[in-house]
N, C-alpha and C. Protein backbone atom coordinates (compact mmCIF):
# COMPACT_ATOMS: atom_id res chain seq x y z
N MET A 1 58.18 -39.59 94.32
CA MET A 1 59.11 -39.94 94.39
C MET A 1 60.32 -39.55 94.14
N VAL A 2 60.40 -39.14 95.41
CA VAL A 2 60.86 -37.59 95.77
C VAL A 2 62.48 -38.13 95.91
N ARG A 3 62.77 -39.56 96.43
CA ARG A 3 64.56 -39.91 96.83
C ARG A 3 64.57 -40.74 95.69
N LEU A 4 63.23 -41.19 94.74
CA LEU A 4 63.65 -41.61 93.49
C LEU A 4 64.77 -40.40 92.35
N GLN A 5 64.10 -39.22 92.40
CA GLN A 5 64.47 -38.27 91.52
C GLN A 5 65.70 -37.86 92.27
N LYS A 6 66.09 -37.88 93.51
CA LYS A 6 67.43 -37.47 93.49
C LYS A 6 68.40 -38.34 93.11
N ASP A 7 68.35 -39.74 93.61
CA ASP A 7 68.40 -40.95 93.28
C ASP A 7 69.18 -40.28 91.91
N VAL A 8 68.48 -40.48 90.42
CA VAL A 8 68.40 -40.13 89.21
C VAL A 8 69.69 -39.29 89.34
N VAL A 9 69.83 -37.55 89.65
CA VAL A 9 70.67 -36.66 90.04
C VAL A 9 71.92 -36.86 90.02
N ARG A 10 71.72 -38.27 91.84
CA ARG A 10 73.11 -38.31 92.42
C ARG A 10 74.00 -39.44 90.59
N GLY A 11 73.13 -39.88 90.13
CA GLY A 11 73.49 -41.05 89.40
C GLY A 11 73.47 -42.43 90.02
N GLN A 12 72.16 -42.75 90.81
CA GLN A 12 72.42 -44.09 91.43
C GLN A 12 71.24 -44.55 90.88
N VAL A 13 70.94 -44.12 89.66
CA VAL A 13 69.86 -45.21 89.49
C VAL A 13 70.49 -44.99 87.79
N ILE A 14 70.46 -46.85 87.52
CA ILE A 14 70.26 -47.05 86.15
C ILE A 14 68.92 -47.67 85.05
N PHE A 15 69.31 -47.40 83.86
CA PHE A 15 68.08 -47.34 83.24
C PHE A 15 68.52 -49.09 82.28
N MET A 16 67.18 -49.20 82.12
CA MET A 16 67.82 -51.03 81.26
C MET A 16 66.61 -50.94 80.28
N TRP A 17 66.20 -51.82 79.32
CA TRP A 17 64.51 -52.20 78.50
C TRP A 17 65.11 -53.71 79.08
N MET A 18 63.44 -53.27 78.84
CA MET A 18 63.50 -54.94 79.42
C MET A 18 61.50 -55.85 78.72
N GLU A 19 62.40 -56.76 77.61
CA GLU A 19 61.19 -57.39 76.59
C GLU A 19 61.13 -58.37 77.60
N SER A 20 59.16 -58.25 77.34
CA SER A 20 58.36 -59.06 78.07
C SER A 20 57.45 -60.39 77.26
N PRO A 21 57.37 -61.35 77.04
CA PRO A 21 57.38 -61.89 78.82
C PRO A 21 59.20 -62.82 79.38
N CYS A 22 60.06 -61.97 78.14
CA CYS A 22 61.41 -63.13 78.56
C CYS A 22 62.07 -62.58 79.63
N LEU A 23 61.84 -60.97 79.84
CA LEU A 23 62.53 -60.81 80.95
C LEU A 23 64.33 -60.62 80.27
N LEU A 24 64.66 -59.97 78.55
CA LEU A 24 65.89 -60.11 78.15
C LEU A 24 66.03 -58.45 78.06
N ARG A 25 66.78 -58.72 79.07
CA ARG A 25 67.68 -56.86 79.16
C ARG A 25 68.21 -56.50 78.56
N PHE A 26 67.69 -55.31 77.98
CA PHE A 26 69.18 -54.18 77.32
C PHE A 26 69.62 -53.45 78.49
N THR A 27 70.34 -53.66 78.11
CA THR A 27 70.81 -52.86 79.82
C THR A 27 71.47 -51.95 78.83
N SER A 28 72.08 -50.60 79.07
CA SER A 28 72.87 -49.58 78.02
C SER A 28 74.23 -49.04 79.13
N CYS A 29 75.03 -50.66 78.11
CA CYS A 29 75.99 -50.74 78.87
C CYS A 29 77.01 -49.64 78.23
N LEU A 30 76.84 -48.47 77.00
CA LEU A 30 77.77 -47.23 76.19
C LEU A 30 77.41 -46.20 77.28
N GLY A 31 76.63 -46.83 78.10
CA GLY A 31 75.67 -44.82 77.81
C GLY A 31 74.44 -44.79 76.92
N LEU A 32 74.86 -45.31 75.73
CA LEU A 32 74.10 -44.90 74.36
C LEU A 32 72.53 -44.70 75.23
N LEU A 33 71.97 -45.67 75.43
CA LEU A 33 70.36 -46.17 75.74
C LEU A 33 69.77 -46.06 77.16
N TRP A 34 70.03 -43.98 77.10
CA TRP A 34 68.73 -44.17 78.40
C TRP A 34 68.23 -42.76 78.40
N VAL A 35 67.37 -43.08 79.44
CA VAL A 35 66.56 -41.98 79.76
C VAL A 35 66.01 -41.63 80.83
N ASP A 36 65.18 -40.25 80.41
CA ASP A 36 65.12 -38.83 82.03
C ASP A 36 64.34 -39.61 82.93
N LEU A 37 64.77 -40.63 83.41
CA LEU A 37 62.79 -40.16 84.40
C LEU A 37 62.61 -39.60 84.87
N LEU A 38 63.07 -38.16 84.97
CA LEU A 38 63.03 -36.88 85.67
C LEU A 38 61.65 -36.72 85.34
N VAL A 39 61.47 -36.74 84.36
CA VAL A 39 59.97 -35.80 83.89
C VAL A 39 58.82 -37.02 83.72
N ARG A 40 59.45 -38.61 84.18
CA ARG A 40 57.70 -39.08 84.39
C ARG A 40 57.88 -39.78 85.77
N LYS A 41 56.14 -39.72 86.13
CA LYS A 41 55.84 -40.39 87.25
C LYS A 41 55.52 -41.40 87.74
N PHE A 42 55.85 -42.52 89.08
CA PHE A 42 55.76 -43.78 88.87
C PHE A 42 54.55 -43.85 89.91
N GLN A 43 53.46 -45.42 90.00
CA GLN A 43 52.53 -45.04 90.26
C GLN A 43 52.88 -46.24 91.73
N GLY A 44 52.52 -45.46 92.57
CA GLY A 44 52.41 -45.95 94.88
C GLY A 44 54.25 -46.21 94.68
N ASN A 45 54.53 -47.44 94.81
CA ASN A 45 55.95 -48.09 94.96
C ASN A 45 56.18 -48.77 93.69
N SER A 46 55.50 -48.93 92.42
CA SER A 46 55.89 -49.23 91.45
C SER A 46 57.72 -48.36 90.95
N VAL A 47 58.42 -49.37 90.30
CA VAL A 47 59.62 -48.24 89.56
C VAL A 47 59.86 -48.91 87.85
N THR A 48 57.87 -49.17 87.65
CA THR A 48 58.15 -49.36 86.61
C THR A 48 57.40 -48.58 85.56
N ILE A 49 57.42 -47.67 84.56
CA ILE A 49 56.48 -46.94 83.46
C ILE A 49 56.44 -47.48 82.42
N LYS A 50 55.47 -47.40 81.67
CA LYS A 50 55.30 -47.51 80.08
C LYS A 50 56.13 -46.89 78.98
N ALA A 51 56.54 -46.73 78.52
CA ALA A 51 57.32 -46.06 77.69
C ALA A 51 56.82 -45.74 77.18
N SER A 52 56.90 -43.99 76.53
CA SER A 52 56.50 -43.18 75.56
C SER A 52 57.15 -43.87 74.44
N ASN A 53 55.83 -43.91 72.60
CA ASN A 53 56.06 -43.77 71.95
C ASN A 53 57.27 -42.95 71.32
N ALA A 54 57.62 -41.97 72.00
CA ALA A 54 59.03 -41.28 71.26
C ALA A 54 60.54 -41.85 72.13
N SER A 55 60.51 -42.54 73.48
CA SER A 55 61.12 -42.95 73.53
C SER A 55 61.98 -44.44 72.85
N ILE A 56 60.46 -45.49 72.48
CA ILE A 56 60.41 -46.17 71.73
C ILE A 56 61.26 -46.45 70.62
N LYS A 57 60.52 -45.26 69.96
CA LYS A 57 61.01 -44.88 68.52
C LYS A 57 62.00 -44.35 68.43
N LYS A 58 63.19 -43.62 69.56
CA LYS A 58 64.54 -43.91 69.41
C LYS A 58 65.26 -45.22 69.88
N MET A 59 64.95 -45.35 70.65
CA MET A 59 65.59 -46.75 71.21
C MET A 59 65.98 -48.20 69.49
N GLN A 60 64.67 -48.16 69.17
CA GLN A 60 64.84 -48.42 67.92
C GLN A 60 65.86 -47.91 66.39
N GLU A 61 65.89 -46.88 66.49
CA GLU A 61 66.15 -45.79 65.94
C GLU A 61 68.22 -46.10 66.08
N ASP A 62 68.65 -45.82 67.84
CA ASP A 62 69.87 -46.55 67.98
C ASP A 62 69.92 -47.65 68.24
N ALA A 63 68.99 -48.29 68.35
CA ALA A 63 69.67 -49.94 68.23
C ALA A 63 70.66 -50.71 66.63
N GLY A 64 69.96 -49.94 65.47
CA GLY A 64 70.71 -50.14 64.55
C GLY A 64 72.05 -49.81 64.32
N ARG A 65 72.58 -48.45 65.31
CA ARG A 65 73.74 -47.84 65.04
C ARG A 65 74.72 -48.06 66.31
N PHE A 66 74.06 -49.33 66.97
CA PHE A 66 74.82 -49.39 68.19
C PHE A 66 74.88 -50.65 68.25
N TRP A 67 74.45 -52.25 68.10
CA TRP A 67 73.51 -52.86 68.23
C TRP A 67 74.25 -53.86 67.44
N ALA A 68 74.78 -54.86 67.69
CA ALA A 68 74.58 -56.33 66.13
C ALA A 68 73.26 -56.46 65.85
N PRO A 69 72.81 -56.71 64.06
CA PRO A 69 71.35 -56.66 63.25
C PRO A 69 71.15 -57.30 64.63
N GLU A 70 71.07 -58.96 64.78
CA GLU A 70 70.42 -59.92 65.74
C GLU A 70 69.82 -59.69 66.76
N LEU A 71 70.58 -58.38 67.52
CA LEU A 71 69.97 -57.62 68.80
C LEU A 71 69.01 -56.93 68.12
N ALA A 72 69.46 -55.96 67.32
CA ALA A 72 68.62 -54.61 66.66
C ALA A 72 67.31 -55.35 66.35
N GLN A 73 67.79 -56.28 65.72
CA GLN A 73 66.23 -56.78 64.97
C GLN A 73 65.12 -57.43 65.96
N LEU A 74 65.68 -57.59 67.47
CA LEU A 74 65.24 -58.49 68.33
C LEU A 74 64.58 -57.64 68.91
N MET A 75 64.97 -56.21 69.25
CA MET A 75 64.98 -54.80 69.79
C MET A 75 63.59 -54.00 68.98
N ARG A 76 63.53 -54.06 67.97
CA ARG A 76 62.91 -53.62 66.58
C ARG A 76 61.21 -54.40 67.14
N SER A 77 61.69 -55.86 67.09
CA SER A 77 60.72 -56.25 67.02
C SER A 77 59.65 -56.53 68.63
N THR A 78 60.76 -56.08 69.97
CA THR A 78 59.81 -56.03 70.89
C THR A 78 58.35 -55.12 71.29
N PRO A 79 57.29 -55.67 71.32
CA PRO A 79 55.80 -54.91 71.21
C PRO A 79 55.87 -53.67 72.02
N GLU A 80 55.77 -54.78 73.41
CA GLU A 80 55.22 -53.08 73.94
C GLU A 80 56.88 -53.46 74.91
N PRO A 81 58.56 -52.20 74.72
CA PRO A 81 59.22 -52.74 75.80
C PRO A 81 58.43 -51.59 76.78
N PHE A 82 59.25 -51.91 77.94
CA PHE A 82 59.40 -50.63 79.53
C PHE A 82 60.18 -49.65 80.02
N ILE A 83 60.23 -49.11 80.82
CA ILE A 83 60.80 -48.96 81.47
C ILE A 83 61.43 -48.97 83.13
N ASN A 84 62.44 -49.37 83.52
CA ASN A 84 62.28 -50.32 84.65
C ASN A 84 63.39 -49.37 85.43
N ALA A 85 63.22 -48.67 86.51
CA ALA A 85 63.71 -47.92 87.17
C ALA A 85 65.08 -49.23 88.87
N ILE A 86 66.27 -48.67 88.95
CA ILE A 86 66.78 -50.03 89.33
C ILE A 86 68.03 -48.67 90.23
N TYR A 87 67.95 -49.10 91.19
CA TYR A 87 68.82 -48.31 92.19
C TYR A 87 70.07 -49.10 93.10
N ASP A 88 70.64 -48.01 93.33
CA ASP A 88 71.00 -48.76 94.76
C ASP A 88 70.64 -48.41 96.41
N SER A 89 72.03 -47.84 97.41
CA SER A 89 72.00 -47.68 98.06
C SER A 89 73.65 -47.48 98.32
N ASP A 90 73.95 -46.46 99.60
CA ASP A 90 74.83 -46.00 99.69
C ASP A 90 75.46 -47.53 100.92
N PRO A 91 77.16 -47.50 100.54
CA PRO A 91 77.57 -48.34 101.97
C PRO A 91 77.11 -48.07 102.95
N LEU A 92 76.46 -50.11 103.51
CA LEU A 92 76.61 -48.80 104.99
C LEU A 92 76.86 -49.21 106.20
N ASP A 93 77.89 -48.88 107.36
CA ASP A 93 78.29 -48.41 108.14
C ASP A 93 78.44 -49.83 108.98
N ARG A 94 77.76 -51.17 109.67
CA ARG A 94 77.79 -51.91 109.79
C ARG A 94 77.28 -52.91 109.01
N LEU A 95 76.77 -54.39 109.49
CA LEU A 95 75.88 -55.11 108.59
C LEU A 95 75.79 -56.37 109.62
N CYS A 96 75.70 -55.84 110.94
CA CYS A 96 75.19 -57.22 112.23
C CYS A 96 75.28 -55.99 112.63
N TRP A 97 73.79 -56.37 113.42
CA TRP A 97 73.08 -56.39 114.95
C TRP A 97 73.10 -56.86 115.37
N ASP A 98 72.97 -56.92 117.10
CA ASP A 98 73.37 -58.22 117.81
C ASP A 98 73.08 -59.19 117.14
N ASN A 99 72.18 -60.51 117.44
CA ASN A 99 71.86 -61.88 116.38
C ASN A 99 71.58 -61.62 115.45
N VAL A 100 71.33 -60.42 114.26
CA VAL A 100 70.63 -60.13 112.98
C VAL A 100 71.87 -59.20 112.41
N VAL A 101 72.42 -60.74 111.23
CA VAL A 101 73.48 -60.36 110.00
C VAL A 101 72.59 -60.46 108.44
N LEU A 102 73.65 -59.26 107.78
CA LEU A 102 72.83 -59.28 106.55
C LEU A 102 74.05 -59.80 105.30
N ILE A 103 73.63 -60.47 104.99
CA ILE A 103 73.99 -60.63 103.99
C ILE A 103 73.62 -60.44 101.97
N GLY A 104 74.08 -61.27 101.00
CA GLY A 104 73.75 -60.67 100.12
C GLY A 104 72.97 -59.34 99.16
N ASP A 105 72.89 -59.20 98.76
CA ASP A 105 71.54 -57.97 98.33
C ASP A 105 71.39 -56.96 99.30
N ALA A 106 70.89 -57.62 100.39
CA ALA A 106 70.24 -57.01 101.69
C ALA A 106 71.60 -56.23 101.94
N ALA A 107 72.66 -56.95 102.25
CA ALA A 107 73.67 -56.12 102.79
C ALA A 107 74.57 -55.09 101.70
N HIS A 108 74.27 -55.64 99.99
CA HIS A 108 74.98 -54.35 99.45
C HIS A 108 74.39 -54.70 98.22
N PRO A 109 73.27 -53.47 98.40
CA PRO A 109 72.53 -53.32 96.56
C PRO A 109 73.10 -52.67 95.60
N LYS A 110 73.53 -53.27 94.93
CA LYS A 110 74.86 -52.46 93.75
C LYS A 110 73.38 -52.59 92.42
N THR A 111 74.26 -51.58 91.21
CA THR A 111 73.21 -51.55 90.24
C THR A 111 74.59 -52.77 89.78
N PRO A 112 73.37 -53.10 88.54
CA PRO A 112 74.49 -54.48 87.71
C PRO A 112 75.30 -53.92 87.03
N HIS A 113 75.70 -52.88 86.93
CA HIS A 113 76.66 -52.37 85.64
C HIS A 113 78.51 -53.07 85.70
N CYS A 114 78.82 -54.01 87.03
CA CYS A 114 79.99 -55.22 87.10
C CYS A 114 78.92 -55.88 87.99
N PRO A 115 78.94 -56.63 86.97
CA PRO A 115 78.21 -57.79 87.78
C PRO A 115 78.19 -58.37 88.75
N ARG A 116 78.49 -58.58 89.81
CA ARG A 116 79.89 -59.61 91.17
C ARG A 116 78.16 -60.00 91.95
N SER A 117 77.17 -59.36 91.86
CA SER A 117 76.36 -60.20 93.65
C SER A 117 76.61 -60.65 93.75
N THR A 118 77.22 -62.40 92.70
CA THR A 118 76.48 -63.86 92.63
C THR A 118 77.91 -63.85 93.49
N ASN A 119 79.20 -63.65 93.06
CA ASN A 119 80.13 -63.45 93.68
C ASN A 119 80.53 -62.75 94.99
N MET A 120 79.67 -61.48 95.51
CA MET A 120 79.55 -61.10 96.77
C MET A 120 78.98 -62.25 97.41
N SER A 121 77.54 -61.98 96.90
CA SER A 121 76.78 -63.84 97.75
C SER A 121 77.84 -64.38 99.02
N ILE A 122 78.38 -65.28 97.54
CA ILE A 122 79.15 -66.02 98.03
C ILE A 122 80.37 -66.40 98.44
N LEU A 123 80.71 -64.80 98.87
CA LEU A 123 81.70 -64.64 99.70
C LEU A 123 81.23 -64.69 101.29
N ASP A 124 79.88 -64.09 100.79
CA ASP A 124 79.69 -63.44 102.44
C ASP A 124 79.03 -64.85 103.40
N ALA A 125 78.20 -65.69 102.32
CA ALA A 125 78.57 -66.77 102.68
C ALA A 125 79.46 -68.02 103.60
N ALA A 126 80.21 -68.09 102.92
CA ALA A 126 81.66 -68.62 102.96
C ALA A 126 82.15 -68.15 103.59
N VAL A 127 82.42 -66.76 104.24
CA VAL A 127 83.57 -65.91 105.37
C VAL A 127 82.14 -65.91 106.94
N LEU A 128 80.89 -65.96 106.82
CA LEU A 128 80.26 -66.26 107.73
C LEU A 128 80.46 -67.64 108.01
N GLY A 129 80.25 -68.25 106.92
CA GLY A 129 80.06 -69.51 107.51
C GLY A 129 81.65 -70.43 108.86
N GLU A 130 82.55 -69.42 108.21
CA GLU A 130 84.04 -69.73 108.01
C GLU A 130 83.92 -69.43 109.95
N CYS A 131 83.86 -68.23 110.11
CA CYS A 131 83.82 -66.84 111.79
C CYS A 131 82.85 -67.96 112.39
N LEU A 132 81.86 -68.70 112.05
CA LEU A 132 81.11 -68.92 113.04
C LEU A 132 81.01 -70.37 113.41
N GLU A 133 82.11 -71.72 112.72
CA GLU A 133 82.29 -72.42 112.78
C GLU A 133 83.93 -71.90 113.86
N LYS A 134 84.92 -70.77 113.66
CA LYS A 134 86.28 -70.60 113.86
C LYS A 134 85.06 -70.54 115.48
N TRP A 135 84.37 -69.32 116.16
CA TRP A 135 83.47 -69.04 117.66
C TRP A 135 82.98 -69.53 117.56
N GLY A 136 82.11 -70.77 117.17
CA GLY A 136 81.02 -71.28 118.67
C GLY A 136 79.74 -70.40 118.34
N SER A 137 78.85 -71.30 118.41
CA SER A 137 77.75 -70.35 118.53
C SER A 137 77.68 -69.68 120.35
N GLU A 138 78.29 -70.44 120.81
CA GLU A 138 78.33 -69.42 122.24
C GLU A 138 79.39 -68.34 122.44
N ASP A 139 80.11 -67.92 121.31
CA ASP A 139 80.45 -66.71 121.82
C ASP A 139 79.65 -65.96 119.60
N LEU A 140 78.69 -65.74 119.83
CA LEU A 140 78.43 -65.89 118.28
C LEU A 140 78.14 -63.61 117.96
N GLU A 141 78.78 -63.29 119.13
CA GLU A 141 78.99 -61.86 118.56
C GLU A 141 80.47 -61.80 118.44
N SER A 142 80.91 -62.35 118.61
CA SER A 142 83.14 -62.05 117.85
C SER A 142 82.89 -63.25 116.39
N ALA A 143 81.74 -63.93 116.16
CA ALA A 143 81.96 -64.63 115.71
C ALA A 143 81.18 -63.43 114.55
N LEU A 144 80.70 -63.10 113.94
CA LEU A 144 79.58 -61.26 113.44
C LEU A 144 80.63 -60.61 113.33
N ASN A 145 80.87 -60.02 114.43
CA ASN A 145 82.02 -58.94 114.07
C ASN A 145 83.45 -59.49 113.59
N GLU A 146 83.72 -60.87 113.31
CA GLU A 146 84.81 -60.69 112.45
C GLU A 146 84.28 -60.66 111.18
N TYR A 147 82.89 -61.30 110.69
CA TYR A 147 82.00 -61.16 109.62
C TYR A 147 82.00 -59.81 108.96
N GLN A 148 81.65 -59.45 109.84
CA GLN A 148 81.56 -57.68 109.53
C GLN A 148 83.37 -56.87 109.43
N SER A 149 83.47 -57.45 109.67
CA SER A 149 85.66 -57.14 109.82
C SER A 149 86.38 -57.25 108.33
N VAL A 150 85.47 -58.53 107.69
CA VAL A 150 86.15 -58.90 106.14
C VAL A 150 85.22 -58.55 105.43
N ARG A 151 84.36 -58.36 105.66
CA ARG A 151 83.43 -58.67 104.11
C ARG A 151 82.84 -56.40 103.95
N LEU A 152 82.95 -55.90 105.32
CA LEU A 152 82.18 -54.37 105.28
C LEU A 152 83.18 -53.34 104.18
N PRO A 153 84.85 -53.77 104.12
CA PRO A 153 85.74 -52.61 103.64
C PRO A 153 85.16 -53.29 101.54
N VAL A 154 85.10 -54.27 102.38
CA VAL A 154 85.36 -55.17 100.50
C VAL A 154 84.22 -55.04 99.94
N VAL A 155 83.07 -54.63 100.26
CA VAL A 155 81.29 -54.78 99.71
C VAL A 155 81.53 -53.51 99.17
N ALA A 156 82.00 -52.14 100.35
CA ALA A 156 81.43 -51.08 100.65
C ALA A 156 81.86 -50.46 98.80
N LYS A 157 83.64 -51.14 99.52
CA LYS A 157 84.63 -50.62 97.83
C LYS A 157 83.79 -50.87 96.34
N GLN A 158 83.68 -51.73 96.32
CA GLN A 158 82.50 -52.68 95.22
C GLN A 158 80.97 -51.65 94.52
N VAL A 159 80.58 -51.13 96.15
CA VAL A 159 79.51 -50.78 95.07
C VAL A 159 79.23 -49.36 95.31
N LEU A 160 80.62 -48.59 95.56
CA LEU A 160 80.77 -47.57 95.26
C LEU A 160 81.21 -47.66 93.71
N HIS A 161 82.31 -48.25 93.48
CA HIS A 161 82.55 -49.19 91.83
C HIS A 161 81.91 -48.88 91.12
N ALA A 162 80.07 -49.46 91.07
CA ALA A 162 79.54 -50.31 90.48
C ALA A 162 78.54 -48.85 89.81
N ARG A 163 78.48 -47.86 91.63
CA ARG A 163 78.29 -46.95 90.81
C ARG A 163 79.12 -45.84 90.09
N LEU A 164 79.86 -46.07 89.99
CA LEU A 164 81.15 -45.12 89.05
C LEU A 164 81.15 -45.47 87.57
N VAL A 165 81.33 -46.51 87.74
CA VAL A 165 81.11 -47.38 86.12
C VAL A 165 79.72 -46.87 85.75
N GLY A 166 79.13 -47.43 86.16
CA GLY A 166 77.56 -46.79 85.55
C GLY A 166 77.33 -44.89 84.83
N ARG A 167 77.82 -44.11 86.49
CA ARG A 167 77.93 -43.28 85.78
C ARG A 167 79.43 -42.83 83.86
N ILE A 168 80.30 -43.78 84.46
CA ILE A 168 81.14 -43.40 83.36
C ILE A 168 80.29 -43.52 82.04
N LYS A 169 79.61 -45.63 82.49
CA LYS A 169 78.98 -46.02 81.04
C LYS A 169 77.17 -45.33 79.90
N GLN A 170 76.86 -44.21 81.63
CA GLN A 170 75.31 -43.82 80.72
C GLN A 170 76.39 -42.44 80.30
N GLY A 171 77.11 -41.91 79.67
CA GLY A 171 77.18 -40.57 79.92
C GLY A 171 77.17 -39.74 80.77
N LEU A 172 76.95 -39.83 82.38
CA LEU A 172 77.09 -38.47 83.19
C LEU A 172 78.76 -37.57 83.13
N GLY A 173 77.78 -36.41 84.19
CA GLY A 173 79.31 -36.01 84.46
C GLY A 173 79.89 -36.45 85.75
N LEU A 174 80.90 -36.23 85.68
CA LEU A 174 81.81 -36.24 86.74
C LEU A 174 83.24 -35.38 86.50
N PRO A 175 83.07 -34.91 88.06
CA PRO A 175 83.69 -33.75 88.03
C PRO A 175 85.47 -33.82 87.69
N ASP A 176 85.72 -34.91 87.51
CA ASP A 176 87.59 -35.56 86.77
C ASP A 176 87.98 -35.77 85.11
N ARG A 177 86.28 -35.86 84.45
CA ARG A 177 86.09 -35.92 83.30
C ARG A 177 85.17 -35.99 82.43
N GLU A 178 85.24 -35.39 81.47
CA GLU A 178 84.65 -35.37 80.34
C GLU A 178 83.25 -36.48 80.12
N PRO A 179 82.67 -36.39 79.69
CA PRO A 179 81.15 -36.92 79.50
C PRO A 179 81.77 -38.79 78.62
N PHE A 180 81.55 -39.77 79.15
CA PHE A 180 81.44 -40.86 77.77
C PHE A 180 80.87 -41.07 76.60
N ASN A 181 81.93 -41.14 75.85
CA ASN A 181 81.98 -40.97 74.71
C ASN A 181 81.93 -42.05 73.86
N ALA A 182 81.34 -43.41 73.71
CA ALA A 182 82.24 -44.63 72.91
C ALA A 182 82.55 -44.65 71.68
N ASN A 183 82.00 -43.30 70.82
CA ASN A 183 82.44 -42.76 69.55
C ASN A 183 83.87 -42.24 69.40
N THR A 184 84.11 -41.91 70.32
CA THR A 184 85.62 -40.64 70.43
C THR A 184 86.31 -41.65 72.09
N VAL A 185 86.04 -41.65 72.47
CA VAL A 185 86.65 -42.71 73.76
C VAL A 185 88.40 -43.31 72.45
N CYS A 186 89.67 -42.76 74.12
CA CYS A 186 90.16 -43.60 73.57
C CYS A 186 90.87 -44.83 74.32
N ALA A 187 91.65 -46.19 73.73
CA ALA A 187 91.51 -47.18 73.75
C ALA A 187 92.11 -47.10 75.82
N GLU A 188 92.66 -46.89 75.78
CA GLU A 188 92.98 -46.66 78.05
C GLU A 188 91.56 -46.48 78.31
N CYS A 189 90.68 -45.61 78.53
CA CYS A 189 89.90 -45.38 79.05
C CYS A 189 89.04 -46.27 79.18
N TYR A 190 88.66 -47.83 77.81
CA TYR A 190 88.00 -49.03 78.73
C TYR A 190 88.05 -49.85 79.70
N GLN A 191 90.08 -49.23 79.95
CA GLN A 191 90.11 -50.17 81.37
C GLN A 191 89.69 -50.14 81.94
N GLU A 192 89.32 -49.12 82.52
CA GLU A 192 88.68 -48.24 83.90
C GLU A 192 87.31 -49.03 83.76
N LEU A 193 86.78 -49.26 82.84
CA LEU A 193 85.44 -50.30 82.88
C LEU A 193 85.61 -52.23 83.10
N GLN A 194 87.05 -52.49 82.63
CA GLN A 194 86.69 -54.54 83.01
C GLN A 194 86.76 -54.64 84.01
N GLN A 195 85.86 -55.73 84.00
CA GLN A 195 86.10 -56.47 85.19
C GLN A 195 87.02 -56.53 86.21
N LYS A 196 87.38 -57.21 85.45
CA LYS A 196 89.59 -57.05 86.63
C LYS A 196 89.39 -55.92 87.01
N ASN A 197 89.00 -54.45 87.09
CA ASN A 197 89.30 -53.78 87.92
C ASN A 197 88.25 -53.04 88.46
N VAL A 198 87.30 -53.99 89.56
CA VAL A 198 87.01 -54.11 90.34
C VAL A 198 87.47 -54.38 91.69
N PRO A 199 87.47 -53.40 92.36
CA PRO A 199 88.36 -53.74 93.67
C PRO A 199 88.20 -55.02 94.21
N PHE A 200 89.18 -55.69 95.31
CA PHE A 200 89.06 -57.16 95.79
C PHE A 200 88.60 -57.63 94.35
N PHE A 201 88.72 -57.85 93.13
CA PHE A 201 88.28 -58.57 92.10
C PHE A 201 88.78 -60.80 92.41
N ASP A 202 89.89 -60.28 92.49
CA ASP A 202 90.61 -61.67 92.59
C ASP A 202 91.38 -61.54 94.14
N HIS A 203 90.24 -61.56 94.76
CA HIS A 203 91.22 -61.44 96.94
C HIS A 203 89.85 -62.40 97.43
N ILE A 204 90.98 -62.82 98.04
CA ILE A 204 90.23 -64.33 98.86
C ILE A 204 90.52 -63.76 100.30
N PRO A 205 89.94 -63.72 101.02
CA PRO A 205 89.56 -63.03 102.82
C PRO A 205 90.89 -64.47 103.10
N ASP A 206 91.65 -63.85 103.78
CA ASP A 206 92.19 -64.60 105.10
C ASP A 206 91.67 -65.94 105.39
N VAL A 207 90.97 -65.11 106.46
CA VAL A 207 89.15 -66.02 107.04
C VAL A 207 89.03 -67.83 106.22
N LEU A 208 89.21 -67.45 105.13
CA LEU A 208 88.74 -68.36 103.65
C LEU A 208 89.98 -69.75 103.81
N LEU A 209 92.04 -69.21 103.60
CA LEU A 209 92.70 -69.55 103.53
C LEU A 209 93.63 -70.46 104.73
N ASN A 210 92.54 -70.34 106.33
CA ASN A 210 93.33 -70.69 106.62
C ASN A 210 93.00 -72.40 106.88
């Protein structure tokens, strides 16, 4: 799993606690509950590993300090929490090849620090539909090229923004700032983490306005 280890170093892996069987996810939204996966081994193609007793103990201790009492109690009562690694991909340089086109998570896998995947996928489908209607099946190449020209610059920036926000929320190092600390950070620093600051947050593609 060398690739995964490199992704951890580059900040492309995020960590979350997941409860079974409800699949309730506890994300480390302020970078307070994260696990160093470099010292752990995955089996085969799995990105899920059993949490160590030490990790579970720390999660339970941190829960009381950082979470609402109800959620903290739920976390403490989870019998077998496990670690699930999620990683993104660098933005692609294209979204279509001949008559093959990517939309949704296939086109822009991203970490869930900025929950925009559904919105991004809806816009992919809407833009692709408009382009196909505009150019028709007789000029599929022009339709797909226009779809790509409209969506690629947008989704590329959104994927990279989610990666940046993930590093900030996890308290990982960045060249231009000190690691994020929820206990000492100023109010202005929280602004960058707000959803409204996602690139193209309220942007409507022109092709949908015509």
